[in-house]
Amino acid sequence: MESKNLLLHSAPLADPATVVRQDLDGVTIECHRQGIPADIEPELEALYGSLFSSLAHFRVYGGAENASTYVARAGGKAIAIFLFRIEGGTVRVVNEWMPLDDAEAGRFARYIFASHPSVGAIVFGAVAATLSRPGFPCQRVDITEDSVLTLPASGEAFAEMLGKSTRTNIRYYLNKLKKDFPSFRFTVYRGSEADEDDMRNIVLLNRVRMRNKRKVSANGDAALEKILRLAHAAGLVGVATVDGRLCAGVIGYRIGDHFFSWVRAHDPAFDGYRLGRLTAYLMIGEAIARGVREYHFMWGREEHKALLQGVERRFHRVILYRSRRHLLRHAPTALRALYDGRVRRLRLWLQDASRRDDRVSRLATRTLDVARRLKHWLAER
């Protein structure tokens, strides 16, 4: 039975698997059941510019199989697009790293709870939530982060954004590198045009970098093949060479006017030139020249991200419940979110502690190393 405070009318589309509704404020809601319309891809990219909401990502990494597609439109323009699956009494939104406010969270929840009486909870895995009163019992847990640089109109303007000492150091080491190695070149290719051996070698250098830092690289052989596939579809690849041989590189993905820096690495022989930081700086300049609006350094709190003006953006797991009674019914979901939030807080504390030069730092570093190795071992099982 349709909820009167949500659904004013229902009109079937030509596609019998698609329904249209209209919310009270005149926003049109489409739901494509167990399907993702072929023409939704450019709208997803334009609306969110999120790698983890892109169909390119889902084609390579999966996660959207048998998903339904919810689209809210105002004046014919998409204002929210959620890909979701129904798993028992829970709706799970599979696209991530997009904003979520009260209006769109509440509108989606009203639609889902009215259309699916058996659903008692809606889970958003990782969204930039600005929620205060979404209209339903709500749980929000800090779950991950991204370091984001909003790009200016020119490379010169970006250089002026940097702190004085950072700008001076970059110029010094870049000039020193070019003086000592006149053949140094940095070139950016579209993923479909990049040399596959260069991309493989960038990943291999990343593994070396992680090993030297006593960390386990997430980019194993299985991950490498997915990186190559996604790079071919949506990649921008920065390649630094000396005498024609690769010495550093960046593999990233462009989604709309956003760039996501996925793999960064340099040959340790060039540590004295701060080549890792220089490569990031040069890649940012290329992104600006190509009209990118936001540069995403992705996870982690490495020093160079802050020095290059990256600002941390938090993402949350958000769970909306039909009622407080349904919150109790979904206690395992609620408790898992609380647990994951506490684990994240502990990990952040350990990361901060590991930067100190004392016994606590050494213990924190060892603990993080064991946790990373266990995580990757479990992922490979």
Protein backbone atom coordinates (compact mmCIF):
# COMPACT_ATOMS: atom_id res chain seq x y z
CA MET A 1 0.00 0.00 0.00
CA GLU A 2 1.42 3.40 -0.98
CA SER A 3 2.16 5.93 1.77
CA LYS A 4 -0.03 9.03 1.30
CA ASN A 5 2.61 11.41 2.68
CA LEU A 6 5.05 10.30 -0.01
CA LEU A 7 3.40 9.08 -3.18
CA LEU A 8 1.02 11.47 -4.91
CA HIS A 9 0.68 9.52 -8.11
CA SER A 10 2.17 6.58 -9.97
CA ALA A 11 2.76 6.46 -13.72
CA PRO A 12 4.30 3.45 -15.50
CA LEU A 13 7.09 4.04 -17.98
CA ALA A 14 7.57 2.15 -21.22
CA ASP A 15 9.94 -0.15 -19.34
CA PRO A 16 7.74 -2.31 -17.07
CA ALA A 17 10.65 -2.67 -14.61
CA THR A 18 10.68 1.08 -14.00
CA VAL A 19 8.28 3.08 -11.86
CA VAL A 20 7.88 6.81 -11.38
CA ARG A 21 6.64 8.61 -8.29
CA GLN A 22 6.43 12.22 -7.21
CA ASP A 23 7.41 13.42 -3.75
CA LEU A 24 5.48 16.13 -1.92
CA ASP A 25 7.88 18.90 -2.98
CA GLY A 26 7.46 18.07 -6.65
CA VAL A 27 10.67 16.06 -6.99
CA THR A 28 10.23 13.17 -9.42
CA ILE A 29 11.47 9.78 -8.28
CA GLU A 30 12.37 7.00 -10.70
CA CYS A 31 13.21 3.48 -9.61
CA HIS A 32 14.69 1.05 -12.12
CA ARG A 33 14.24 -2.30 -10.45
CA GLN A 34 17.17 -4.71 -10.62
CA GLY A 35 18.86 -2.75 -13.33
CA ILE A 36 21.12 0.22 -14.04
CA PRO A 37 20.03 2.28 -17.08
CA ALA A 38 22.74 2.55 -19.72
CA ASP A 39 22.29 6.32 -19.96
CA ILE A 40 22.76 6.96 -16.21
CA GLU A 41 26.59 6.89 -16.35
CA PRO A 42 27.21 10.52 -17.41
CA GLU A 43 24.66 11.73 -14.86
CA LEU A 44 26.41 9.78 -12.09
CA GLU A 45 29.77 11.28 -13.04
CA ALA A 46 28.42 14.82 -13.31
CA LEU A 47 26.45 14.63 -10.07
CA TYR A 48 29.05 13.08 -7.75
CA GLY A 49 32.41 12.85 -9.52
CA SER A 50 33.08 9.90 -7.23
CA LEU A 51 35.27 6.97 -8.21
CA PHE A 52 33.24 4.72 -5.91
CA SER A 53 29.97 5.81 -7.51
CA SER A 54 31.22 5.31 -11.06
CA LEU A 55 30.09 2.50 -13.33
CA ALA A 56 33.69 2.21 -14.55
CA HIS A 57 34.69 1.15 -11.04
CA PHE A 58 31.80 -1.30 -10.68
CA ARG A 59 32.60 -2.93 -14.03
CA VAL A 60 36.08 -3.81 -12.78
CA TYR A 61 35.59 -4.36 -9.05
CA GLY A 62 31.96 -5.55 -9.04
CA GLY A 63 29.52 -4.76 -6.27
CA ALA A 64 26.57 -3.51 -8.33
CA GLU A 65 25.32 -6.85 -9.62
CA ASN A 66 21.50 -7.00 -9.60
CA ALA A 67 21.35 -3.51 -8.14
CA SER A 68 18.31 -1.31 -8.56
CA THR A 69 18.65 2.37 -9.44
CA TYR A 70 16.91 5.20 -7.60
CA VAL A 71 16.95 8.63 -9.26
CA ALA A 72 15.48 11.82 -7.79
CA ARG A 73 15.03 14.68 -10.26
CA ALA A 74 14.15 18.34 -9.84
CA GLY A 75 13.33 20.21 -13.03
CA GLY A 76 14.46 17.19 -15.01
CA LYS A 77 17.94 17.26 -13.45
CA ALA A 78 19.22 14.43 -11.24
CA ILE A 79 19.77 15.54 -7.64
CA ALA A 80 20.35 12.07 -6.16
CA ILE A 81 21.25 8.70 -7.67
CA PHE A 82 21.51 5.66 -5.44
CA LEU A 83 22.33 2.13 -6.61
CA PHE A 84 20.97 -0.33 -4.07
CA ARG A 85 20.27 -3.96 -3.32
CA ILE A 86 17.72 -5.49 -0.97
CA GLU A 87 19.27 -8.10 1.30
CA GLY A 88 16.64 -9.59 3.57
CA GLY A 89 15.17 -6.71 5.54
CA THR A 90 17.99 -4.31 4.68
CA VAL A 91 18.61 -2.01 1.73
CA ARG A 92 22.31 -1.50 1.02
CA VAL A 93 23.34 1.46 -1.11
CA VAL A 94 26.39 0.32 -3.07
CA ASN A 95 27.66 3.60 -4.50
CA GLU A 96 29.86 5.56 -2.11
CA TRP A 97 31.91 8.71 -1.51
CA MET A 98 29.08 11.08 -2.37
CA PRO A 99 27.37 13.74 -0.21
CA LEU A 100 24.24 12.91 1.76
CA ASP A 101 22.05 15.52 3.41
CA ASP A 102 18.77 15.41 5.31
CA ALA A 103 16.62 16.09 2.25
CA GLU A 104 17.94 13.27 0.07
CA ALA A 105 18.40 10.79 2.90
CA GLY A 106 14.84 11.39 4.09
CA ARG A 107 13.36 11.29 0.58
CA PHE A 108 15.08 7.98 -0.22
CA ALA A 109 14.07 6.45 3.12
CA ARG A 110 10.43 7.48 2.66
CA TYR A 111 10.42 5.92 -0.79
CA ILE A 112 12.06 2.67 0.31
CA PHE A 113 9.98 2.19 3.45
CA ALA A 114 6.75 2.93 1.56
CA SER A 115 7.61 0.65 -1.37
CA HIS A 116 9.14 -2.25 0.60
CA PRO A 117 7.24 -3.01 3.81
CA SER A 118 9.69 -5.77 4.78
CA VAL A 119 12.68 -3.39 4.83
CA GLY A 120 13.55 -2.01 8.24
CA ALA A 121 17.01 -0.50 7.66
CA ILE A 122 18.91 1.36 4.94
CA VAL A 123 22.71 1.28 4.97
CA PHE A 124 24.96 3.82 3.20
CA GLY A 125 28.48 2.37 3.33
CA ALA A 126 30.62 5.53 3.07
CA VAL A 127 29.12 8.97 2.44
CA ALA A 128 29.99 12.56 3.33
CA ALA A 129 27.00 12.95 5.62
CA THR A 130 25.67 16.29 6.83
CA LEU A 131 22.67 15.00 8.71
CA SER A 132 20.75 16.49 11.60
CA ARG A 133 17.06 15.57 11.16
CA PRO A 134 16.57 13.09 8.30
CA GLY A 135 13.14 12.13 9.62
CA PHE A 136 14.02 8.59 10.77
CA PRO A 137 16.15 7.08 13.55
CA CYS A 138 19.69 7.45 12.28
CA GLN A 139 23.12 6.07 13.12
CA ARG A 140 26.25 7.76 11.75
CA VAL A 141 29.76 6.38 12.25
CA ASP A 142 33.06 7.83 11.01
CA ILE A 143 34.45 5.10 8.74
CA THR A 144 37.16 6.45 6.38
CA GLU A 145 38.69 9.57 4.89
CA ASP A 146 39.97 11.21 1.73
CA SER A 147 42.46 14.05 1.40
CA VAL A 148 41.10 16.50 -1.16
CA LEU A 149 42.72 19.43 -2.94
CA THR A 150 40.39 21.92 -4.60
CA LEU A 151 42.32 23.05 -7.65
CA PRO A 152 42.74 26.66 -8.76
CA ALA A 153 42.60 27.82 -12.37
CA SER A 154 46.34 27.60 -13.09
CA GLY A 155 49.57 25.97 -12.01
CA GLU A 156 50.92 29.37 -11.00
CA ALA A 157 47.95 29.90 -8.70
CA PHE A 158 48.53 26.49 -7.15
CA ALA A 159 52.18 27.29 -6.47
CA GLU A 160 51.03 30.45 -4.67
CA MET A 161 48.69 28.36 -2.50
CA LEU A 162 51.62 26.44 -1.04
CA GLY A 163 53.44 27.46 2.08
CA LYS A 164 56.60 29.44 1.49
CA SER A 165 58.98 26.69 2.63
CA THR A 166 57.11 24.00 0.63
CA ARG A 167 57.20 26.14 -2.51
CA THR A 168 60.92 26.86 -2.01
CA ASN A 169 61.77 23.19 -1.44
CA ILE A 170 59.85 22.02 -4.49
CA ARG A 171 61.61 24.52 -6.71
CA TYR A 172 65.00 23.64 -5.23
CA TYR A 173 64.67 19.88 -5.66
CA LEU A 174 63.06 20.14 -9.10
CA ASN A 175 65.89 22.35 -10.33
CA LYS A 176 68.49 20.05 -8.75
CA LEU A 177 66.88 16.99 -10.36
CA LYS A 178 66.83 18.61 -13.80
CA LYS A 179 70.42 19.81 -13.41
CA ASP A 180 71.74 16.40 -12.33
CA PHE A 181 69.57 14.52 -14.85
CA PRO A 182 68.94 16.71 -17.91
CA SER A 183 66.98 13.88 -19.55
CA PHE A 184 64.31 13.93 -16.80
CA ARG A 185 60.80 14.00 -18.26
CA PHE A 186 57.33 13.84 -16.77
CA THR A 187 54.54 12.90 -19.17
CA VAL A 188 50.87 12.18 -18.56
CA TYR A 189 48.94 9.71 -20.71
CA ARG A 190 45.35 8.67 -20.89
CA GLY A 191 45.12 5.15 -19.50
CA SER A 192 44.25 3.64 -22.86
CA GLU A 193 47.43 5.18 -24.29
CA ALA A 194 49.81 4.45 -21.41
CA ASP A 195 52.43 1.74 -21.69
CA GLU A 196 51.29 -1.30 -19.69
CA ASP A 197 54.85 -2.12 -18.64
CA ASP A 198 55.18 1.39 -17.18
CA MET A 199 52.02 0.88 -15.14
CA ARG A 200 53.20 -2.52 -13.91
CA ASN A 201 56.54 -1.01 -12.91
CA ILE A 202 54.84 1.83 -11.02
CA VAL A 203 52.95 -0.80 -9.00
CA LEU A 204 56.15 -2.76 -8.40
CA LEU A 205 57.87 0.40 -7.15
CA ASN A 206 54.91 0.97 -4.84
CA ARG A 207 55.42 -2.50 -3.37
CA VAL A 208 59.08 -1.70 -2.76
CA ARG A 209 58.10 1.59 -1.10
CA MET A 210 55.64 -0.19 1.19
CA ARG A 211 58.17 -2.89 2.05
CA ASN A 212 60.80 -0.28 2.93
CA LYS A 213 58.26 1.34 5.27
CA ARG A 214 57.53 -2.07 6.85
CA LYS A 215 54.04 -2.04 5.37
CA VAL A 216 52.19 -4.53 3.21
CA SER A 217 51.17 -3.20 -0.19
CA ALA A 218 47.51 -3.62 -1.10
CA ASN A 219 48.53 -3.88 -4.74
CA GLY A 220 49.16 -7.59 -5.13
CA ASP A 221 48.95 -9.46 -8.43
CA ALA A 222 45.14 -9.70 -8.43
CA ALA A 223 44.85 -6.01 -7.58
CA LEU A 224 47.35 -5.13 -10.32
CA GLU A 225 45.18 -6.62 -13.04
CA LYS A 226 42.17 -4.63 -11.84
CA ILE A 227 44.26 -1.46 -11.72
CA LEU A 228 45.26 -1.99 -15.35
CA ARG A 229 41.66 -2.64 -16.44
CA LEU A 230 40.29 0.45 -14.72
CA ALA A 231 43.20 2.57 -15.94
CA HIS A 232 42.42 1.54 -19.51
CA ALA A 233 38.83 2.74 -19.06
CA ALA A 234 39.25 5.89 -16.96
CA GLY A 235 42.93 6.35 -16.21
CA LEU A 236 45.39 9.20 -16.26
CA VAL A 237 48.93 7.93 -15.82
CA GLY A 238 51.90 10.15 -14.98
CA VAL A 239 55.29 8.71 -15.94
CA ALA A 240 58.63 10.18 -14.83
CA THR A 241 61.71 9.01 -16.69
CA VAL A 242 65.47 9.54 -16.66
CA ASP A 243 67.31 8.46 -19.81
CA GLY A 244 64.05 6.93 -20.97
CA ARG A 245 63.76 4.63 -17.91
CA LEU A 246 60.89 4.94 -15.46
CA CYS A 247 61.89 6.39 -12.10
CA ALA A 248 58.50 7.41 -10.69
CA GLY A 249 54.83 7.49 -11.57
CA VAL A 250 51.20 8.00 -10.64
CA ILE A 251 48.27 5.85 -11.70
CA GLY A 252 44.94 7.55 -11.15
CA TYR A 253 41.43 7.74 -12.47
CA ARG A 254 39.47 10.67 -13.80
CA ILE A 255 35.75 10.66 -13.05
CA GLY A 256 34.05 13.79 -14.38
CA ASP A 257 36.17 16.71 -13.21
CA HIS A 258 37.69 14.77 -10.30
CA PHE A 259 41.03 12.92 -10.26
CA PHE A 260 41.74 10.04 -7.85
CA SER A 261 45.41 9.27 -7.22
CA TRP A 262 45.38 5.49 -6.71
CA VAL A 263 49.02 4.36 -6.92
CA ARG A 264 52.05 6.59 -6.37
CA ALA A 265 55.65 5.41 -6.34
CA HIS A 266 59.24 6.35 -7.07
CA ASP A 267 62.60 4.63 -7.24
CA PRO A 268 64.27 4.84 -3.78
CA ALA A 269 67.51 5.79 -5.55
CA PHE A 270 65.95 9.24 -6.01
CA ASP A 271 64.95 9.77 -2.38
CA GLY A 272 67.48 12.58 -2.10
CA TYR A 273 65.50 14.58 -4.66
CA ARG A 274 62.15 14.20 -2.88
CA LEU A 275 60.96 12.62 -6.11
CA GLY A 276 57.72 11.29 -4.61
CA ARG A 277 56.61 14.76 -3.61
CA LEU A 278 57.82 16.25 -6.91
CA THR A 279 55.83 13.67 -8.86
CA ALA A 280 52.66 14.53 -6.94
CA TYR A 281 53.28 18.24 -7.58
CA LEU A 282 53.80 17.69 -11.30
CA MET A 283 50.70 15.48 -11.53
CA ILE A 284 48.63 18.19 -9.86
CA GLY A 285 49.86 20.69 -12.45
CA GLU A 286 48.78 18.35 -15.26
CA ALA A 287 45.40 17.84 -13.63
CA ILE A 288 44.87 21.60 -13.51
CA ALA A 289 45.82 21.91 -17.18
CA ARG A 290 43.23 19.24 -18.04
CA GLY A 291 40.39 21.01 -16.24
CA VAL A 292 40.21 18.85 -13.14
CA ARG A 293 38.40 20.56 -10.25
CA GLU A 294 39.29 18.30 -7.32
CA TYR A 295 42.41 16.21 -6.79
CA HIS A 296 41.89 13.29 -4.42
CA PHE A 297 44.97 11.98 -2.62
CA MET A 298 42.75 9.21 -1.19
CA TRP A 299 43.22 7.53 2.18
CA GLY A 300 45.88 8.22 4.76
CA ARG A 301 47.45 11.15 6.54
CA GLU A 302 50.88 11.32 4.93
CA GLU A 303 52.72 14.59 5.42
CA HIS A 304 53.00 15.46 1.72
CA LYS A 305 49.20 15.61 1.35
CA ALA A 306 48.87 18.39 3.89
CA LEU A 307 51.92 20.19 2.49
CA LEU A 308 50.29 20.13 -0.95
CA GLN A 309 47.10 21.61 0.55
CA GLY A 310 45.04 18.44 0.78
CA VAL A 311 42.19 18.81 3.26
CA GLU A 312 40.75 15.79 5.04
CA ARG A 313 37.19 14.87 4.11
CA ARG A 314 35.46 12.36 6.38
CA PHE A 315 33.09 9.66 5.19
CA HIS A 316 30.53 7.95 7.36
CA ARG A 317 28.50 4.78 7.47
CA VAL A 318 24.91 5.96 7.79
CA ILE A 319 22.06 3.67 8.79
CA LEU A 320 18.45 4.82 8.67
CA TYR A 321 15.86 2.75 10.52
CA ARG A 322 12.14 2.61 9.85
CA SER A 323 11.51 3.09 13.59
CA ARG A 324 13.24 2.61 16.93
CA ARG A 325 11.64 -0.82 17.11
CA HIS A 326 13.32 -1.72 13.82
CA LEU A 327 16.63 -0.45 15.19
CA LEU A 328 16.36 -3.13 17.87
CA ARG A 329 15.46 -5.72 15.25
CA HIS A 330 18.62 -4.79 13.33
CA ALA A 331 20.83 -4.80 16.43
CA PRO A 332 23.65 -6.81 14.71
CA THR A 333 23.87 -4.14 12.00
CA ALA A 334 23.93 -1.34 14.56
CA LEU A 335 26.51 -3.09 16.75
CA ARG A 336 28.77 -3.84 13.76
CA ALA A 337 28.74 -0.16 12.81
CA LEU A 338 29.69 0.81 16.38
CA TYR A 339 32.47 -1.78 16.38
CA ASP A 340 33.89 -0.60 13.05
CA GLY A 341 33.78 2.99 14.28
CA ARG A 342 35.73 2.08 17.44
CA VAL A 343 38.30 0.13 15.40
CA ARG A 344 38.80 3.18 13.18
CA ARG A 345 39.29 5.43 16.21
CA LEU A 346 41.90 3.01 17.56
CA ARG A 347 43.69 2.87 14.21
CA LEU A 348 43.84 6.67 14.01
CA TRP A 349 45.19 6.82 17.56
CA LEU A 350 47.85 4.25 16.69
CA GLN A 351 48.82 6.22 13.57
CA ASP A 352 49.20 9.40 15.62
CA ALA A 353 51.15 7.53 18.31
CA SER A 354 53.47 5.92 15.75
CA ARG A 355 54.76 9.37 14.76
CA ARG A 356 56.24 9.95 18.22
CA ASP A 357 59.81 8.93 18.99
CA ASP A 358 59.32 6.75 22.07
CA ARG A 359 58.35 3.25 23.20
CA VAL A 360 54.66 3.93 22.57
CA SER A 361 55.52 4.87 18.98
CA ARG A 362 57.42 1.63 18.39
CA LEU A 363 54.63 -0.45 19.90
CA ALA A 364 52.02 1.39 17.82
CA THR A 365 54.05 0.86 14.65
CA ARG A 366 54.38 -2.87 15.29
CA THR A 367 50.66 -3.16 16.09
CA LEU A 368 49.70 -1.40 12.85
CA ASP A 369 52.08 -3.61 10.89
CA VAL A 370 50.53 -6.80 12.33
CA ALA A 371 47.02 -5.47 11.67
CA ARG A 372 47.84 -4.65 8.03
CA ARG A 373 49.39 -8.07 7.43
CA LEU A 374 46.39 -9.81 8.98
CA LYS A 375 43.99 -7.72 6.90
CA HIS A 376 45.74 -8.57 3.63
CA TRP A 377 46.10 -12.24 4.60
CA LEU A 378 42.36 -12.46 5.25
CA ALA A 379 41.59 -10.63 1.99
CA GLU A 380 43.57 -13.21 0.02
CA ARG A 381 41.84 -16.21 1.56
